[in-house]
Structure formats: structure tokens, C-alpha cells
Amino acid sequence: LDNLIEVWRQTGKTIGIISVDPTSPFSGGAILGDRVRMMRHYKDNGVFIRSMATRGSLGGLSVRAQDAADVYDAAGIDMIVFETVGVGQVELDVAKAADTTIVVIVPESGDEVQAMKAGLMEIADIFVINKADRAGADKAFREVRGMVDLRLKQADWKPPVLKTSAIKHEGIDELADQIERHREYLEQNDLLIRKFQDRFRMKIRDIIADRLSSDFWTQERKNLLDTTLNRPIEAIPSPVRLAQTLFKIK
């Protein structure tokens, strides 16, 4: 990402980074250390870096990450980048939040196996084998490209598989070109507006769900739940029955 920022800045583009770090399930804190890798851009007036914690979000993105992206967009930032805590089968929020989804794989980490799982192959617009100077990079490249050829050969957009090396600064320009190509593809097929509409619907649903949840959990309902859970296990009703009881409370 550090080198990609450099390529974009050379073309005069402004960059907004939203870097999401995992929250400790024990302390509730987060290191927020991703920006350390981008220190040379820290004082660049054309680069904005916002670190966030997941705060328990299962989707890989912080709950407020999309809000931050909206602020960047309103400010006229050219390139907005979500850097997530890692993408798994249940961590696919990034595909809904972004126009272009890049799945980064590191050789010999087992990531190429993870990429085979349902979900990742479908959300990736671009695959990147990073640290391509390492042993195993060619093998990972062949495996991922083989999966793309096998599973996505009929797709309108066939995700390119690229090799990059931050140390040698290799493949970064090609990655920037492929990101631009994908944007052109979205524009030509009227998919950008569709993605915006989907994000807007998702945001409205989230706002309503948060409001309904907040309104539902009155003190009386919380007390009933706590009292019920303090009973002997055999006396606790099923979750469905207890939920029905909670709903009946006015």
C-alpha cells in the first residue's frame, strides 16, 4: 500500500486511507499500528490516514469505516482505500463498501488455500501475490490463477492475478493500472451507480437495525433476560421462547 500511494501521488491524486486494526477481545483496545508502515506519507498534504479499531465488527471493517469514507468522498479525495484486518468467509463487508476489492495473498502463508473458500473468489476483483520475492511466490501465483481460470472463466470481469514486491518495487505500476481498468469496466457497465445504491440500502438497514435494537432493550427486558439466565440451566426456556416473551413486554 505504501508503494501504491507513491504511484498515485506521482499522478497528482489525493489519497484517503482507512486502516482498520483488530480490537482485543480482552482489553477492548487496539494498537492502530498500520500507519507506521506509511510514515513517509504522514506529512504529505495529499495523503490522509485514519486508523480505526474493529470494535467487535465481524465484517473486517469498523462500523464507522463507511462513515469515514463518506467524509473523504465529500472532501473530493480521489482514491479512498480500506485496509482491513484480513478477509475470511464471514468478513466480507469490504466487498460491499468498496468499488474494487483486492485480495492480497502472501506466499507460504496458506492464504492461497483460504482464497479457495466460498466467498473470497467471488468478491475479489484483483488478486495480488505480495512479497513476490519470497520462495513460493510462483507456486501461489499458479494456484490462484488456476482457480480464477477454473471458477470465473465465464465472468464478465476476470480478476487479474498479479505479483508485487514492495522491497523491489515490482508490480506496483501494473496494480495501479489494473485498478483503473476495473473502474473503467464498472463505469462502462453502469455498475458504479448500482454499487452506490447497494451501499445506501445497506447503510439505511444498519441505521434502522441499530435504532430498533436500542429501542428494544429497555431496562425491563434486560432485567428479565438476566433473571432468566440466573435460573438453573434446566429451567431456562429456549432462546426462541424467551425472545417471544421479551417481545410481549410493552
C-alpha atoms as a PDB file:
ATOM      1  CA  LEU A   1       0.000   0.000   0.000  1.00  0.00           C
ATOM      2  CA  ASP A   2       2.850   2.371   0.812  1.00  0.00           C
ATOM      3  CA  ASN A   3       4.279   1.991  -2.706  1.00  0.00           C
ATOM      4  CA  LEU A   4       0.850   2.197  -4.318  1.00  0.00           C
ATOM      5  CA  ILE A   5       0.281   5.527  -2.573  1.00  0.00           C
ATOM      6  CA  GLU A   6       3.556   6.756  -4.059  1.00  0.00           C
ATOM      7  CA  VAL A   7       2.470   5.785  -7.584  1.00  0.00           C
ATOM      8  CA  TRP A   8      -0.859   7.575  -7.191  1.00  0.00           C
ATOM      9  CA  ARG A   9       0.758  10.684  -5.717  1.00  0.00           C
ATOM     10  CA  GLN A  10       3.089  10.920  -8.716  1.00  0.00           C
ATOM     11  CA  THR A  11      -0.021  11.385 -10.864  1.00  0.00           C
ATOM     12  CA  GLY A  12      -1.367  14.091  -8.544  1.00  0.00           C
ATOM     13  CA  LYS A  13      -4.137  12.014  -6.985  1.00  0.00           C
ATOM     14  CA  THR A  14      -5.172  12.642  -3.384  1.00  0.00           C
ATOM     15  CA  ILE A  15      -5.433   9.571  -1.162  1.00  0.00           C
ATOM     16  CA  GLY A  16      -7.646   8.739   1.804  1.00  0.00           C
ATOM     17  CA  ILE A  17      -6.658   5.663   3.822  1.00  0.00           C
ATOM     18  CA  ILE A  18      -8.967   3.962   6.315  1.00  0.00           C
ATOM     19  CA  SER A  19      -6.810   1.429   8.133  1.00  0.00           C
ATOM     20  CA  VAL A  20      -8.701  -0.968  10.381  1.00  0.00           C
ATOM     21  CA  ASP A  21      -6.912  -2.855  13.178  1.00  0.00           C
ATOM     22  CA  PRO A  22      -8.400  -5.676  15.264  1.00  0.00           C
ATOM     23  CA  THR A  23      -9.735  -4.898  18.723  1.00  0.00           C
ATOM     24  CA  SER A  24      -8.562  -7.006  21.653  1.00  0.00           C
ATOM     25  CA  PRO A  25     -11.434  -9.170  22.947  1.00  0.00           C
ATOM     26  CA  PHE A  26      -9.919  -8.842  26.437  1.00  0.00           C
ATOM     27  CA  SER A  27      -8.941  -5.183  26.843  1.00  0.00           C
ATOM     28  CA  GLY A  28     -11.127  -3.687  24.120  1.00  0.00           C
ATOM     29  CA  GLY A  29      -8.107  -1.756  22.848  1.00  0.00           C
ATOM     30  CA  ALA A  30      -6.304  -1.721  19.513  1.00  0.00           C
ATOM     31  CA  ILE A  31      -2.725  -0.924  18.533  1.00  0.00           C
ATOM     32  CA  LEU A  32      -3.685   1.065  15.413  1.00  0.00           C
ATOM     33  CA  GLY A  33      -0.185   0.488  14.087  1.00  0.00           C
ATOM     34  CA  ASP A  34      -0.856   0.154  10.357  1.00  0.00           C
ATOM     35  CA  ARG A  35       0.004   3.793   9.772  1.00  0.00           C
ATOM     36  CA  VAL A  36       3.573   3.078  10.932  1.00  0.00           C
ATOM     37  CA  ARG A  37       4.172   1.458   7.529  1.00  0.00           C
ATOM     38  CA  MET A  38       3.106   4.685   5.808  1.00  0.00           C
ATOM     39  CA  MET A  39       5.214   7.137   7.802  1.00  0.00           C
ATOM     40  CA  ARG A  40       6.871   8.673   4.727  1.00  0.00           C
ATOM     41  CA  HIS A  41       3.439   9.880   3.588  1.00  0.00           C
ATOM     42  CA  TYR A  42       2.336  11.015   7.024  1.00  0.00           C
ATOM     43  CA  LYS A  43       3.165  14.689   6.413  1.00  0.00           C
ATOM     44  CA  ASP A  44       2.013  14.708   2.789  1.00  0.00           C
ATOM     45  CA  ASN A  45      -0.905  17.137   2.459  1.00  0.00           C
ATOM     46  CA  GLY A  46      -2.343  14.922  -0.266  1.00  0.00           C
ATOM     47  CA  VAL A  47      -2.490  11.793   1.894  1.00  0.00           C
ATOM     48  CA  PHE A  48      -4.965  11.359   4.739  1.00  0.00           C
ATOM     49  CA  ILE A  49      -4.724   8.386   7.093  1.00  0.00           C
ATOM     50  CA  ARG A  50      -7.459   7.406   9.534  1.00  0.00           C
ATOM     51  CA  SER A  51      -6.864   4.445  11.823  1.00  0.00           C
ATOM     52  CA  MET A  52      -9.837   2.639  13.314  1.00  0.00           C
ATOM     53  CA  ALA A  53     -10.491  -0.388  15.501  1.00  0.00           C
ATOM     54  CA  THR A  54     -12.958  -3.099  14.548  1.00  0.00           C
ATOM     55  CA  ARG A  55     -14.750  -2.762  17.924  1.00  0.00           C
ATOM     56  CA  GLY A  56     -16.083  -6.277  17.582  1.00  0.00           C
ATOM     57  CA  SER A  57     -17.254  -5.940  13.992  1.00  0.00           C
ATOM     58  CA  LEU A  58     -17.310  -9.372  12.324  1.00  0.00           C
ATOM     59  CA  GLY A  59     -17.111  -7.962   8.832  1.00  0.00           C
ATOM     60  CA  GLY A  60     -13.489  -6.896   8.940  1.00  0.00           C
ATOM     61  CA  LEU A  61     -14.434  -3.210   8.711  1.00  0.00           C
ATOM     62  CA  SER A  62     -15.100  -0.887  11.609  1.00  0.00           C
ATOM     63  CA  VAL A  63     -18.746   0.111  11.987  1.00  0.00           C
ATOM     64  CA  ARG A  64     -17.790   3.738  11.276  1.00  0.00           C
ATOM     65  CA  ALA A  65     -15.394   2.992   8.413  1.00  0.00           C
ATOM     66  CA  GLN A  66     -18.039   3.702   5.778  1.00  0.00           C
ATOM     67  CA  ASP A  67     -18.850   6.999   7.503  1.00  0.00           C
ATOM     68  CA  ALA A  68     -15.184   7.972   7.253  1.00  0.00           C
ATOM     69  CA  ALA A  69     -15.194   7.040   3.565  1.00  0.00           C
ATOM     70  CA  ASP A  70     -18.223   9.273   3.024  1.00  0.00           C
ATOM     71  CA  VAL A  71     -16.316  12.174   4.601  1.00  0.00           C
ATOM     72  CA  TYR A  72     -13.344  11.530   2.301  1.00  0.00           C
ATOM     73  CA  ASP A  73     -15.684  11.405  -0.691  1.00  0.00           C
ATOM     74  CA  ALA A  74     -17.411  14.655   0.269  1.00  0.00           C
ATOM     75  CA  ALA A  75     -13.980  16.286   0.562  1.00  0.00           C
ATOM     76  CA  GLY A  76     -13.178  15.318  -3.025  1.00  0.00           C
ATOM     77  CA  ILE A  77     -10.498  12.717  -2.276  1.00  0.00           C
ATOM     78  CA  ASP A  78      -9.566  10.876  -5.487  1.00  0.00           C
ATOM     79  CA  MET A  79      -8.662   7.421  -4.146  1.00  0.00           C
ATOM     80  CA  ILE A  80     -10.217   6.001  -0.970  1.00  0.00           C
ATOM     81  CA  VAL A  81      -8.646   2.806   0.366  1.00  0.00           C
ATOM     82  CA  PHE A  82      -9.986   0.468   3.037  1.00  0.00           C
ATOM     83  CA  GLU A  83      -7.202  -1.604   4.573  1.00  0.00           C
ATOM     84  CA  THR A  84      -8.903  -4.376   6.511  1.00  0.00           C
ATOM     85  CA  VAL A  85      -7.757  -6.712   9.253  1.00  0.00           C
ATOM     86  CA  GLY A  86      -7.849  -9.663   6.872  1.00  0.00           C
ATOM     87  CA  VAL A  87     -10.635 -11.244   4.912  1.00  0.00           C
ATOM     88  CA  GLY A  88     -12.278 -14.567   5.718  1.00  0.00           C
ATOM     89  CA  GLN A  89     -15.552 -16.217   4.865  1.00  0.00           C
ATOM     90  CA  VAL A  90     -17.547 -14.131   7.352  1.00  0.00           C
ATOM     91  CA  GLU A  91     -15.504 -10.987   6.805  1.00  0.00           C
ATOM     92  CA  LEU A  92     -16.836  -9.727   3.515  1.00  0.00           C
ATOM     93  CA  ASP A  93     -18.070  -6.237   4.393  1.00  0.00           C
ATOM     94  CA  VAL A  94     -15.248  -4.732   2.359  1.00  0.00           C
ATOM     95  CA  ALA A  95     -16.788  -6.035  -0.871  1.00  0.00           C
ATOM     96  CA  LYS A  96     -19.955  -4.089  -0.087  1.00  0.00           C
ATOM     97  CA  ALA A  97     -18.126  -0.925   0.941  1.00  0.00           C
ATOM     98  CA  ALA A  98     -15.639  -0.688  -1.938  1.00  0.00           C
ATOM     99  CA  ASP A  99     -15.922  -0.345  -5.703  1.00  0.00           C
ATOM    100  CA  THR A 100     -12.833  -2.505  -6.257  1.00  0.00           C
ATOM    101  CA  THR A 101     -11.864  -5.341  -3.915  1.00  0.00           C
ATOM    102  CA  ILE A 102      -8.248  -6.505  -3.881  1.00  0.00           C
ATOM    103  CA  VAL A 103      -7.369  -9.764  -2.146  1.00  0.00           C
ATOM    104  CA  VAL A 104      -3.705  -9.788  -1.116  1.00  0.00           C
ATOM    105  CA  ILE A 105      -2.029 -13.153  -0.646  1.00  0.00           C
ATOM    106  CA  VAL A 106       1.385 -13.790   0.905  1.00  0.00           C
ATOM    107  CA  PRO A 107       3.352 -16.836  -0.304  1.00  0.00           C
ATOM    108  CA  GLU A 108       3.710 -19.797   2.060  1.00  0.00           C
ATOM    109  CA  SER A 109       1.103 -18.407   4.470  1.00  0.00           C
ATOM    110  CA  GLY A 110      -1.700 -20.708   3.394  1.00  0.00           C
ATOM    111  CA  ASP A 111      -3.622 -17.718   2.029  1.00  0.00           C
ATOM    112  CA  GLU A 112      -3.972 -19.376  -1.362  1.00  0.00           C
ATOM    113  CA  VAL A 113      -5.927 -22.164   0.343  1.00  0.00           C
ATOM    114  CA  GLN A 114      -8.079 -19.576   2.122  1.00  0.00           C
ATOM    115  CA  ALA A 115      -8.775 -17.964  -1.242  1.00  0.00           C
ATOM    116  CA  MET A 116     -10.348 -21.201  -2.451  1.00  0.00           C
ATOM    117  CA  LYS A 117     -13.075 -20.967   0.167  1.00  0.00           C
ATOM    118  CA  ALA A 118     -16.507 -19.837  -0.919  1.00  0.00           C
ATOM    119  CA  GLY A 119     -16.767 -16.063  -0.867  1.00  0.00           C
ATOM    120  CA  LEU A 120     -13.240 -14.847  -1.494  1.00  0.00           C
ATOM    121  CA  MET A 121     -13.146 -15.976  -5.103  1.00  0.00           C
ATOM    122  CA  GLU A 122     -16.448 -14.222  -5.676  1.00  0.00           C
ATOM    123  CA  ILE A 123     -15.602 -10.883  -4.052  1.00  0.00           C
ATOM    124  CA  ALA A 124     -12.092 -10.379  -5.450  1.00  0.00           C
ATOM    125  CA  ASP A 125     -11.774  -8.016  -8.397  1.00  0.00           C
ATOM    126  CA  ILE A 126      -7.981  -8.281  -8.328  1.00  0.00           C
ATOM    127  CA  PHE A 127      -5.697 -10.868  -6.734  1.00  0.00           C
ATOM    128  CA  VAL A 128      -2.231  -9.799  -5.608  1.00  0.00           C
ATOM    129  CA  ILE A 129       0.580 -12.163  -4.646  1.00  0.00           C
ATOM    130  CA  ASN A 130       2.557  -9.802  -2.408  1.00  0.00           C
ATOM    131  CA  LYS A 131       6.165 -10.330  -1.302  1.00  0.00           C
ATOM    132  CA  ALA A 132       6.754 -11.975  -4.676  1.00  0.00           C
ATOM    133  CA  ASP A 133      10.492 -12.042  -3.950  1.00  0.00           C
ATOM    134  CA  ARG A 134       9.853 -14.831  -1.430  1.00  0.00           C
ATOM    135  CA  ALA A 135      10.134 -18.519  -2.131  1.00  0.00           C
ATOM    136  CA  GLY A 136       6.779 -19.974  -3.056  1.00  0.00           C
ATOM    137  CA  ALA A 137       5.502 -16.882  -4.874  1.00  0.00           C
ATOM    138  CA  ASP A 138       5.426 -18.579  -8.274  1.00  0.00           C
ATOM    139  CA  LYS A 139       3.560 -21.562  -6.831  1.00  0.00           C
ATOM    140  CA  ALA A 140       0.968 -19.325  -5.165  1.00  0.00           C
ATOM    141  CA  PHE A 141       0.600 -17.355  -8.404  1.00  0.00           C
ATOM    142  CA  ARG A 142      -0.072 -20.502 -10.442  1.00  0.00           C
ATOM    143  CA  GLU A 143      -2.555 -21.866  -7.904  1.00  0.00           C
ATOM    144  CA  VAL A 144      -4.585 -18.670  -7.665  1.00  0.00           C
ATOM    145  CA  ARG A 145      -4.552 -18.104 -11.422  1.00  0.00           C
ATOM    146  CA  GLY A 146      -5.661 -21.702 -11.914  1.00  0.00           C
ATOM    147  CA  MET A 147      -8.578 -21.173  -9.533  1.00  0.00           C
ATOM    148  CA  VAL A 148      -9.580 -17.986 -11.343  1.00  0.00           C
ATOM    149  CA  ASP A 149      -9.428 -19.717 -14.737  1.00  0.00           C
ATOM    150  CA  LEU A 150     -11.488 -22.641 -13.444  1.00  0.00           C
ATOM    151  CA  ARG A 151     -14.174 -20.871 -11.429  1.00  0.00           C
ATOM    152  CA  LEU A 152     -14.520 -17.493 -13.112  1.00  0.00           C
ATOM    153  CA  LYS A 153     -13.915 -18.235 -16.798  1.00  0.00           C
ATOM    154  CA  GLN A 154     -17.468 -17.152 -17.695  1.00  0.00           C
ATOM    155  CA  ALA A 155     -17.389 -13.921 -15.665  1.00  0.00           C
ATOM    156  CA  ASP A 156     -17.694 -10.567 -17.431  1.00  0.00           C
ATOM    157  CA  TRP A 157     -14.735  -9.335 -15.391  1.00  0.00           C
ATOM    158  CA  LYS A 158     -12.000 -11.914 -14.952  1.00  0.00           C
ATOM    159  CA  PRO A 159      -9.881 -10.900 -11.932  1.00  0.00           C
ATOM    160  CA  PRO A 160      -6.235 -10.450 -12.911  1.00  0.00           C
ATOM    161  CA  VAL A 161      -3.630 -12.175 -10.747  1.00  0.00           C
ATOM    162  CA  LEU A 162      -0.566 -10.007 -10.137  1.00  0.00           C
ATOM    163  CA  LYS A 163       2.758 -10.396  -8.370  1.00  0.00           C
ATOM    164  CA  THR A 164       4.149  -7.465  -6.389  1.00  0.00           C
ATOM    165  CA  SER A 165       7.230  -6.824  -4.290  1.00  0.00           C
ATOM    166  CA  ALA A 166       7.398  -3.763  -2.065  1.00  0.00           C
ATOM    167  CA  ILE A 167      11.124  -4.263  -1.459  1.00  0.00           C
ATOM    168  CA  LYS A 168      11.954  -4.345  -5.179  1.00  0.00           C
ATOM    169  CA  HIS A 169       9.100  -2.005  -6.135  1.00  0.00           C
ATOM    170  CA  GLU A 170       7.909  -4.505  -8.716  1.00  0.00           C
ATOM    171  CA  GLY A 171       4.360  -4.874  -9.985  1.00  0.00           C
ATOM    172  CA  ILE A 172       3.087  -1.697  -8.307  1.00  0.00           C
ATOM    173  CA  ASP A 173       2.532   0.234 -11.541  1.00  0.00           C
ATOM    174  CA  GLU A 174       0.698  -2.740 -13.039  1.00  0.00           C
ATOM    175  CA  LEU A 175      -1.522  -2.937  -9.949  1.00  0.00           C
ATOM    176  CA  ALA A 176      -2.402   0.760 -10.261  1.00  0.00           C
ATOM    177  CA  ASP A 177      -3.226   0.202 -13.951  1.00  0.00           C
ATOM    178  CA  GLN A 178      -5.490  -2.762 -13.168  1.00  0.00           C
ATOM    179  CA  ILE A 179      -7.351  -0.756 -10.518  1.00  0.00           C
ATOM    180  CA  GLU A 180      -8.003   1.928 -13.141  1.00  0.00           C
ATOM    181  CA  ARG A 181      -9.072  -0.702 -15.686  1.00  0.00           C
ATOM    182  CA  HIS A 182     -11.574  -2.129 -13.236  1.00  0.00           C
ATOM    183  CA  ARG A 183     -13.038   1.304 -12.584  1.00  0.00           C
ATOM    184  CA  GLU A 184     -13.451   1.829 -16.326  1.00  0.00           C
ATOM    185  CA  TYR A 185     -15.212  -1.536 -16.543  1.00  0.00           C
ATOM    186  CA  LEU A 186     -17.617  -0.507 -13.761  1.00  0.00           C
ATOM    187  CA  GLU A 187     -18.362   2.819 -15.440  1.00  0.00           C
ATOM    188  CA  GLN A 188     -18.955   1.271 -18.863  1.00  0.00           C
ATOM    189  CA  ASN A 189     -21.418  -1.244 -17.427  1.00  0.00           C
ATOM    190  CA  ASP A 190     -23.286   1.182 -15.117  1.00  0.00           C
ATOM    191  CA  LEU A 191     -22.102  -0.787 -12.097  1.00  0.00           C
ATOM    192  CA  LEU A 192     -20.795   2.181 -10.092  1.00  0.00           C
ATOM    193  CA  ILE A 193     -24.281   3.568  -9.544  1.00  0.00           C
ATOM    194  CA  ARG A 194     -25.536   0.078  -8.652  1.00  0.00           C
ATOM    195  CA  LYS A 195     -22.800  -0.279  -6.045  1.00  0.00           C
ATOM    196  CA  PHE A 196     -23.718   3.136  -4.624  1.00  0.00           C
ATOM    197  CA  GLN A 197     -27.380   2.115  -4.387  1.00  0.00           C
ATOM    198  CA  ASP A 198     -26.486  -1.155  -2.653  1.00  0.00           C
ATOM    199  CA  ARG A 199     -24.280   0.679  -0.132  1.00  0.00           C
ATOM    200  CA  PHE A 200     -27.025   3.211   0.538  1.00  0.00           C
ATOM    201  CA  ARG A 201     -29.589   0.473   1.175  1.00  0.00           C
ATOM    202  CA  MET A 202     -27.160  -1.334   3.475  1.00  0.00           C
ATOM    203  CA  LYS A 203     -26.492   1.870   5.407  1.00  0.00           C
ATOM    204  CA  ILE A 204     -30.205   2.556   5.876  1.00  0.00           C
ATOM    205  CA  ARG A 205     -30.765  -1.013   7.076  1.00  0.00           C
ATOM    206  CA  ASP A 206     -27.883  -0.704   9.551  1.00  0.00           C
ATOM    207  CA  ILE A 207     -29.188   2.595  10.936  1.00  0.00           C
ATOM    208  CA  ILE A 208     -32.692   1.185  11.359  1.00  0.00           C
ATOM    209  CA  ALA A 209     -31.392  -2.045  12.915  1.00  0.00           C
ATOM    210  CA  ASP A 210     -29.289  -0.074  15.415  1.00  0.00           C
ATOM    211  CA  ARG A 211     -32.264   2.131  16.313  1.00  0.00           C
ATOM    212  CA  LEU A 212     -34.629  -0.814  16.716  1.00  0.00           C
ATOM    213  CA  SER A 213     -32.118  -2.692  18.859  1.00  0.00           C
ATOM    214  CA  SER A 214     -31.571   0.352  21.060  1.00  0.00           C
ATOM    215  CA  ASP A 215     -35.318   0.908  21.475  1.00  0.00           C
ATOM    216  CA  PHE A 216     -35.984  -2.774  22.144  1.00  0.00           C
ATOM    217  CA  TRP A 217     -33.540  -3.266  25.007  1.00  0.00           C
ATOM    218  CA  THR A 218     -35.404  -1.434  27.744  1.00  0.00           C
ATOM    219  CA  GLN A 219     -34.261  -1.922  31.324  1.00  0.00           C
ATOM    220  CA  GLU A 220     -37.234  -4.206  31.969  1.00  0.00           C
ATOM    221  CA  ARG A 221     -36.223  -6.533  29.130  1.00  0.00           C
ATOM    222  CA  LYS A 222     -32.581  -6.536  30.251  1.00  0.00           C
ATOM    223  CA  ASN A 223     -33.637  -7.410  33.794  1.00  0.00           C
ATOM    224  CA  LEU A 224     -35.845 -10.262  32.579  1.00  0.00           C
ATOM    225  CA  LEU A 225     -33.006 -11.693  30.491  1.00  0.00           C
ATOM    226  CA  ASP A 226     -30.560 -11.505  33.400  1.00  0.00           C
ATOM    227  CA  THR A 227     -33.060 -13.026  35.828  1.00  0.00           C
ATOM    228  CA  THR A 228     -33.829 -15.873  33.431  1.00  0.00           C
ATOM    229  CA  LEU A 229     -30.156 -16.679  32.861  1.00  0.00           C
ATOM    230  CA  ASN A 230     -29.580 -16.880  36.619  1.00  0.00           C
ATOM    231  CA  ARG A 231     -32.004 -19.812  36.882  1.00  0.00           C
ATOM    232  CA  PRO A 232     -30.801 -23.430  36.863  1.00  0.00           C
ATOM    233  CA  ILE A 233     -29.961 -24.442  33.302  1.00  0.00           C
ATOM    234  CA  GLU A 234     -32.867 -26.903  33.097  1.00  0.00           C
ATOM    235  CA  ALA A 235     -35.286 -24.079  33.992  1.00  0.00           C
ATOM    236  CA  ILE A 236     -34.127 -21.739  31.233  1.00  0.00           C
ATOM    237  CA  PRO A 237     -36.522 -21.684  28.247  1.00  0.00           C
ATOM    238  CA  SER A 238     -35.307 -21.982  24.673  1.00  0.00           C
ATOM    239  CA  PRO A 239     -33.936 -18.801  23.057  1.00  0.00           C
ATOM    240  CA  VAL A 240     -36.952 -18.674  20.731  1.00  0.00           C
ATOM    241  CA  ARG A 241     -39.446 -18.869  23.603  1.00  0.00           C
ATOM    242  CA  LEU A 242     -37.547 -16.315  25.682  1.00  0.00           C
ATOM    243  CA  ALA A 243     -37.357 -13.955  22.709  1.00  0.00           C
ATOM    244  CA  GLN A 244     -41.129 -14.270  22.264  1.00  0.00           C
ATOM    245  CA  THR A 245     -41.601 -13.378  25.931  1.00  0.00           C
ATOM    246  CA  LEU A 246     -39.333 -10.354  25.582  1.00  0.00           C
ATOM    247  CA  PHE A 247     -41.311  -9.170  22.559  1.00  0.00           C
ATOM    248  CA  LYS A 248     -44.556  -9.288  24.556  1.00  0.00           C
ATOM    249  CA  ILE A 249     -43.237  -6.747  27.074  1.00  0.00           C
ATOM    250  CA  LYS A 250     -44.588  -3.306  26.253  1.00  0.00           C
END
